[in-house]
Protein backbone atom coordinates (compact mmCIF):
# COMPACT_ATOMS: atom_id res chain seq x y z
CA MET A 1 -35.60 -31.12 69.30
CA GLY A 2 -32.14 -32.54 69.89
CA GLY A 3 -30.48 -29.15 69.32
CA GLU A 4 -28.92 -30.26 66.03
CA SER A 5 -28.62 -27.50 63.44
CA THR A 6 -27.74 -27.43 59.73
CA THR A 7 -25.69 -24.68 58.03
CA ARG A 8 -26.53 -23.76 54.40
CA THR A 9 -24.51 -21.49 52.18
CA ALA A 10 -25.76 -19.20 49.45
CA PRO A 11 -23.98 -18.84 46.10
CA ARG A 12 -21.29 -16.15 46.28
CA SER A 13 -22.44 -14.61 43.07
CA GLY A 14 -25.49 -13.29 44.84
CA GLY A 15 -27.83 -14.89 42.30
CA THR A 16 -27.71 -15.07 38.55
CA GLY A 17 -28.61 -11.48 37.75
CA THR A 18 -25.14 -9.94 37.77
CA ALA A 19 -23.51 -12.82 35.88
CA ALA A 20 -26.28 -12.85 33.30
CA ASN A 21 -26.08 -9.11 32.76
CA GLY A 22 -22.31 -9.29 32.40
CA GLY A 23 -22.64 -12.11 29.88
CA ARG A 24 -25.20 -10.24 27.82
CA LEU A 25 -23.05 -7.11 27.80
CA GLY A 26 -20.02 -9.10 26.67
CA GLN A 27 -22.02 -10.74 23.89
CA ARG A 28 -23.29 -7.37 22.70
CA LEU A 29 -19.80 -5.88 22.72
CA SER A 30 -18.37 -8.87 20.85
CA GLY A 31 -21.14 -8.55 18.26
CA VAL A 32 -20.35 -4.85 17.79
CA ALA A 33 -16.63 -5.68 17.43
CA VAL A 34 -17.33 -8.30 14.76
CA ALA A 35 -19.69 -6.00 12.85
CA LEU A 36 -17.27 -3.06 12.98
CA GLY A 37 -14.38 -5.34 12.03
CA LEU A 38 -16.23 -6.61 8.98
CA VAL A 39 -17.00 -3.05 7.89
CA LEU A 40 -13.35 -2.03 8.20
CA PHE A 41 -12.01 -5.24 6.64
CA LEU A 42 -14.34 -5.28 3.64
CA GLY A 43 -14.22 -1.49 3.32
CA GLY A 44 -10.43 -1.62 3.10
CA PHE A 45 -10.52 -4.17 0.30
CA GLY A 46 -13.26 -2.20 -1.47
CA TRP A 47 -11.25 1.00 -1.24
CA ALA A 48 -8.19 -0.80 -2.59
CA ALA A 49 -10.16 -2.21 -5.52
CA LEU A 50 -11.41 1.26 -6.44
CA SER A 51 -8.05 3.01 -5.97
CA TYR A 52 -5.46 0.51 -7.21
CA ARG A 53 -4.69 -1.85 -10.05
CA PRO A 54 -2.19 -4.73 -9.89
CA TYR A 55 0.43 -5.09 -12.61
CA THR A 56 3.20 -7.57 -13.28
CA VAL A 57 6.31 -5.90 -14.70
CA PRO A 58 7.75 -8.26 -17.35
CA THR A 59 11.15 -6.64 -17.95
CA SER A 60 14.13 -5.45 -15.90
CA SER A 61 14.04 -1.89 -17.26
CA MET A 62 13.08 -0.53 -13.81
CA THR A 63 15.67 -2.52 -11.81
CA PRO A 64 16.51 -2.21 -8.95
CA THR A 65 13.30 -0.34 -8.04
CA ILE A 66 11.15 -2.99 -9.73
CA ASP A 67 12.66 -6.27 -10.88
CA ALA A 68 11.40 -8.40 -13.75
CA GLY A 69 8.38 -10.42 -12.64
CA ASN A 70 7.59 -8.18 -9.65
CA ARG A 71 3.95 -7.53 -8.85
CA VAL A 72 3.12 -3.87 -8.16
CA LEU A 73 0.11 -1.89 -7.01
CA ALA A 74 -0.52 1.26 -9.04
CA GLN A 75 -2.94 3.95 -7.96
CA ARG A 76 -5.46 5.01 -10.58
CA VAL A 77 -4.66 8.67 -11.34
CA ASP A 78 -5.37 11.22 -13.99
CA GLY A 79 -2.37 12.17 -16.12
CA ALA A 80 -2.71 15.77 -14.95
CA GLU A 81 -1.74 14.64 -11.42
CA VAL A 82 1.63 13.21 -12.47
CA ARG A 83 4.77 14.95 -11.21
CA ARG A 84 8.51 14.60 -11.69
CA GLY A 85 9.94 11.44 -10.16
CA ASP A 86 6.70 9.43 -10.35
CA VAL A 87 6.83 5.86 -11.66
CA VAL A 88 3.83 5.56 -13.96
CA VAL A 89 1.97 3.02 -16.06
CA PHE A 90 1.02 4.29 -19.51
CA ARG A 91 -0.13 3.12 -22.92
CA ASP A 92 1.38 4.47 -26.11
CA SER A 93 1.05 2.53 -29.35
CA SER A 94 4.15 4.24 -30.79
CA TRP A 95 6.18 2.57 -28.00
CA VAL A 96 4.47 -0.79 -27.51
CA THR A 97 1.28 -2.02 -29.16
CA GLY A 98 -1.40 -3.47 -26.89
CA SER A 99 0.65 -3.43 -23.70
CA ASP A 100 1.21 -1.21 -20.66
CA VAL A 101 4.64 0.33 -20.05
CA VAL A 102 6.19 1.26 -16.68
CA LYS A 103 8.76 4.09 -16.56
CA ARG A 104 9.83 7.01 -14.37
CA VAL A 105 8.84 10.59 -15.22
CA VAL A 106 11.95 12.79 -15.21
CA ALA A 107 10.56 15.89 -16.92
CA VAL A 108 7.14 17.43 -17.56
CA GLY A 109 5.76 19.94 -20.05
CA GLY A 110 7.94 23.06 -20.29
CA ASP A 111 11.05 21.39 -18.81
CA THR A 112 14.36 21.05 -20.59
CA VAL A 113 16.16 17.75 -20.02
CA SER A 114 19.60 16.58 -21.13
CA CYS A 115 22.32 14.11 -20.22
CA CYS A 116 24.90 13.86 -19.05
CA THR A 117 26.67 16.50 -16.92
CA ASP A 118 29.25 14.97 -14.62
CA GLY A 119 27.43 11.68 -15.14
CA LYS A 120 24.10 13.10 -13.98
CA LEU A 121 20.75 13.88 -15.58
CA THR A 122 20.08 17.60 -15.93
CA VAL A 123 16.57 19.06 -15.76
CA ASN A 124 16.07 22.83 -16.10
CA GLY A 125 19.81 23.25 -15.60
CA LYS A 126 19.86 21.33 -12.30
CA GLN A 127 21.79 18.10 -11.85
CA ILE A 128 19.43 15.47 -10.42
CA GLU A 129 20.46 13.05 -7.68
CA GLU A 130 18.96 9.65 -8.51
CA PRO A 131 19.63 7.22 -5.64
CA TYR A 132 17.23 4.67 -7.15
CA LEU A 133 19.64 3.92 -10.01
CA PRO A 134 21.81 0.78 -9.83
CA LYS A 135 24.94 1.59 -7.83
CA GLY A 136 27.92 2.63 -9.89
CA THR A 137 25.94 3.34 -13.08
CA LEU A 138 25.66 6.59 -15.01
CA ALA A 139 22.43 8.49 -15.41
CA GLU A 140 22.40 7.45 -19.09
CA ASN A 141 24.48 5.18 -21.29
CA GLN A 142 24.61 7.77 -24.05
CA ASP A 143 24.59 11.56 -24.12
CA PHE A 144 21.61 13.24 -25.74
CA ALA A 145 21.02 16.84 -26.71
CA THR A 146 18.70 19.06 -24.70
CA VAL A 147 15.04 18.22 -25.20
CA THR A 148 12.29 20.71 -24.42
CA VAL A 149 9.21 18.77 -23.32
CA PRO A 150 6.03 20.05 -25.05
CA LYS A 151 3.13 21.16 -22.90
CA GLY A 152 0.91 18.28 -21.78
CA ARG A 153 3.61 15.67 -22.33
CA LEU A 154 6.16 13.73 -20.24
CA PHE A 155 9.76 12.57 -20.69
CA LEU A 156 10.31 9.12 -19.16
CA LEU A 157 13.30 6.91 -18.40
CA GLY A 158 13.77 3.44 -16.94
CA ASP A 159 15.82 3.10 -13.75
CA GLU A 160 18.02 0.53 -15.52
CA ARG A 161 19.34 3.03 -18.05
CA GLN A 162 21.64 0.60 -19.83
CA GLY A 163 18.88 -1.57 -21.27
CA SER A 164 15.68 0.45 -20.99
CA LEU A 165 13.76 1.29 -24.15
CA ASP A 166 12.52 4.64 -22.90
CA SER A 167 12.25 8.20 -24.20
CA THR A 168 15.87 8.12 -25.33
CA ALA A 169 15.00 5.35 -27.80
CA HIS A 170 12.35 7.60 -29.39
CA LEU A 171 14.22 10.91 -29.66
CA THR A 172 13.87 10.93 -33.47
CA ASP A 173 10.08 10.60 -33.25
CA ALA A 174 7.91 13.64 -33.92
CA ALA A 175 7.24 13.99 -30.17
CA LYS A 176 10.98 13.73 -29.34
CA GLY A 177 10.45 10.70 -27.14
CA THR A 178 7.74 12.29 -25.02
CA VAL A 179 4.40 10.74 -24.03
CA ALA A 180 1.08 12.50 -23.58
CA ARG A 181 -0.14 12.93 -19.99
CA THR A 182 -3.44 11.44 -21.13
CA ALA A 183 -1.63 8.14 -21.86
CA VAL A 184 -0.98 7.64 -18.11
CA VAL A 185 -3.40 5.22 -16.43
CA ALA A 186 -1.82 4.73 -13.00
CA ARG A 187 1.05 5.66 -10.67
CA VAL A 188 3.02 2.86 -8.99
CA ASP A 189 2.80 3.06 -5.20
CA ALA A 190 4.36 -0.19 -3.96
CA VAL A 191 5.98 -3.47 -4.93
CA VAL A 192 3.87 -6.17 -3.25
CA PHE A 193 5.32 -9.45 -4.57
CA PRO A 194 7.90 -10.19 -3.57
CA TRP A 195 7.25 -7.62 -0.87
CA LYS A 196 9.39 -4.45 -1.08
CA GLY A 197 6.81 -2.00 0.21
CA GLY A 198 6.24 1.55 -0.94
CA LEU A 199 8.54 3.20 -3.47
CA LYS A 200 11.07 5.64 -2.03
CA ARG A 201 10.32 9.30 -2.60
CA PRO A 202 12.30 10.81 -5.52
CA THR A 203 13.78 13.62 -3.42
CA GLY A 204 16.24 14.62 -6.14
CA PHE A 205 13.37 16.41 -7.91
CA GLU A 206 12.18 18.43 -4.90
CA ALA A 207 14.05 21.58 -5.92
CA LEU A 208 12.09 21.64 -9.19
CA GLY A 209 8.60 21.48 -7.67
CA THR A 210 6.24 19.63 -5.37
CA LEU A 211 6.47 15.85 -5.36
CA SER A 212 3.43 13.56 -5.47
CA GLN A 213 2.11 12.41 -2.11
CA PRO A 214 1.92 8.67 -1.41
CA GLY A 215 -1.44 7.07 -2.13
CA PRO A 216 -3.82 5.72 0.53
CA LEU A 217 -2.23 2.25 0.60
CA ALA A 218 -0.90 2.59 4.18
CA THR A 219 -4.34 3.65 5.43
CA ILE A 220 -5.99 0.78 3.57
CA GLU A 221 -3.56 -1.72 5.11
CA LEU A 222 -4.34 -0.33 8.59
CA LEU A 223 -8.10 -0.67 8.03
CA ILE A 224 -7.74 -4.28 6.90
CA VAL A 225 -5.48 -5.25 9.83
CA VAL A 226 -7.64 -3.54 12.46
CA GLY A 227 -10.77 -5.06 10.91
CA ALA A 228 -9.25 -8.55 11.00
CA VAL A 229 -8.21 -8.13 14.65
CA LEU A 230 -11.72 -6.99 15.65
CA VAL A 231 -13.39 -9.87 13.80
CA LEU A 232 -11.08 -12.47 15.30
CA GLY A 233 -11.23 -10.93 18.78
CA GLY A 234 -15.00 -10.54 18.77
CA GLY A 235 -15.52 -14.02 17.39
CA ALA A 236 -13.24 -15.52 20.03
CA TYR A 237 -15.15 -13.92 22.93
CA GLY A 238 -17.96 -16.50 22.99
CA PRO A 239 -15.79 -19.64 23.30
CA ILE A 240 -13.46 -17.95 25.78
CA ALA A 241 -16.32 -16.69 27.94
CA LYS A 242 -18.02 -20.10 27.86
CA ARG A 243 -14.83 -21.88 28.93
CA ALA A 244 -14.25 -19.34 31.71
CA GLY A 245 -17.86 -19.82 32.86
CA ARG A 246 -17.45 -23.58 33.05
CA SER A 247 -14.23 -23.15 35.06
CA ARG A 248 -15.99 -20.86 37.53
CA ALA A 249 -18.93 -23.25 37.84
CA ARG A 250 -16.64 -26.19 38.62
CA ALA A 251 -14.81 -24.11 41.21
CA ALA A 252 -18.11 -23.07 42.82
CA ARG A 253 -19.38 -26.68 42.97
CA ALA A 254 -16.13 -27.85 44.51
CA GLU A 255 -16.32 -25.12 47.13
CA ALA A 256 -19.97 -25.88 47.89
CA ALA A 257 -19.22 -29.60 48.27
CA GLY A 258 -16.66 -28.78 50.91
CA VAL A 259 -19.14 -26.86 53.14
CA ARG A 260 -21.77 -28.80 55.13
C-alpha cells in the first residue's frame, strides 16, 4: 500500500503471430525458388544434351575460326537444314575413314562455284566476302574450274585454305569434291574451349539466300544461369533469415533489459 508501482513493457512485435507468418511465407518462397531453379538448371542441361554434341577439332584446317584442339558444340541437325556459310560436321568415307570432318559449306545443290576472281570465291557469279579467313590470305591457294554442285550435295572448304584437305582435294572424284547432305550430322554453333563463343554469321552469303539461324545455345545458357541463381538464392534464405532473427532477438533482449 506504499504507493509503489511497477512498469512492464510488452514485446514490440505484438506477439509471435506476425513474425511466424512472415517466416513461413519466406520459407515457402525460398522453397519455390529452389524448386524452380532446379527445373531450369537441369532442364537447360537436358535441352543441351538433346540438341548439341561436343567435338574436338584435331587439325588447323578451320583456323582462325576454330583452332587445332578447340572444343566445339555442334547442334544436331538434318542435312536438309544446312545452308551456305554453315560450319558442319559430316562423315564421308571417301574423305576420311571412321572419323568426323569439320568444314564450311560454300555452295549447295544447283550452285556453281569457282575460284578465284580478284582473289575471291565466286558462287553463282557473285564474289563472296569471307571475313573469317586468315587476314591477308586468298580465298584459295589454287584456281579451280567452275563446279556445278549436284542436287542434294554440298561443296565444302576449310577456313585455312592453304592447308585444308577439302572439296578442292577431291575435284577428280566422281562427285567432284561434293558431299551428300545426308552425311551431315551436326552444325557448329560455338567454340567453348578455350571460350570463343558463337560463330560469326557468314554474311557474305546473304545475297544468295537465307542464312541459318543460331541454335538455342544462348537460351540454354540463360536457363542454366537463372536456375543456378534461384537455387543459390533460395538455399541461402534460411541461414540469412536465421541470422537476422537472432540479431533481432538480441536487440530486443537488450532493449527490454534497459526498461524497468
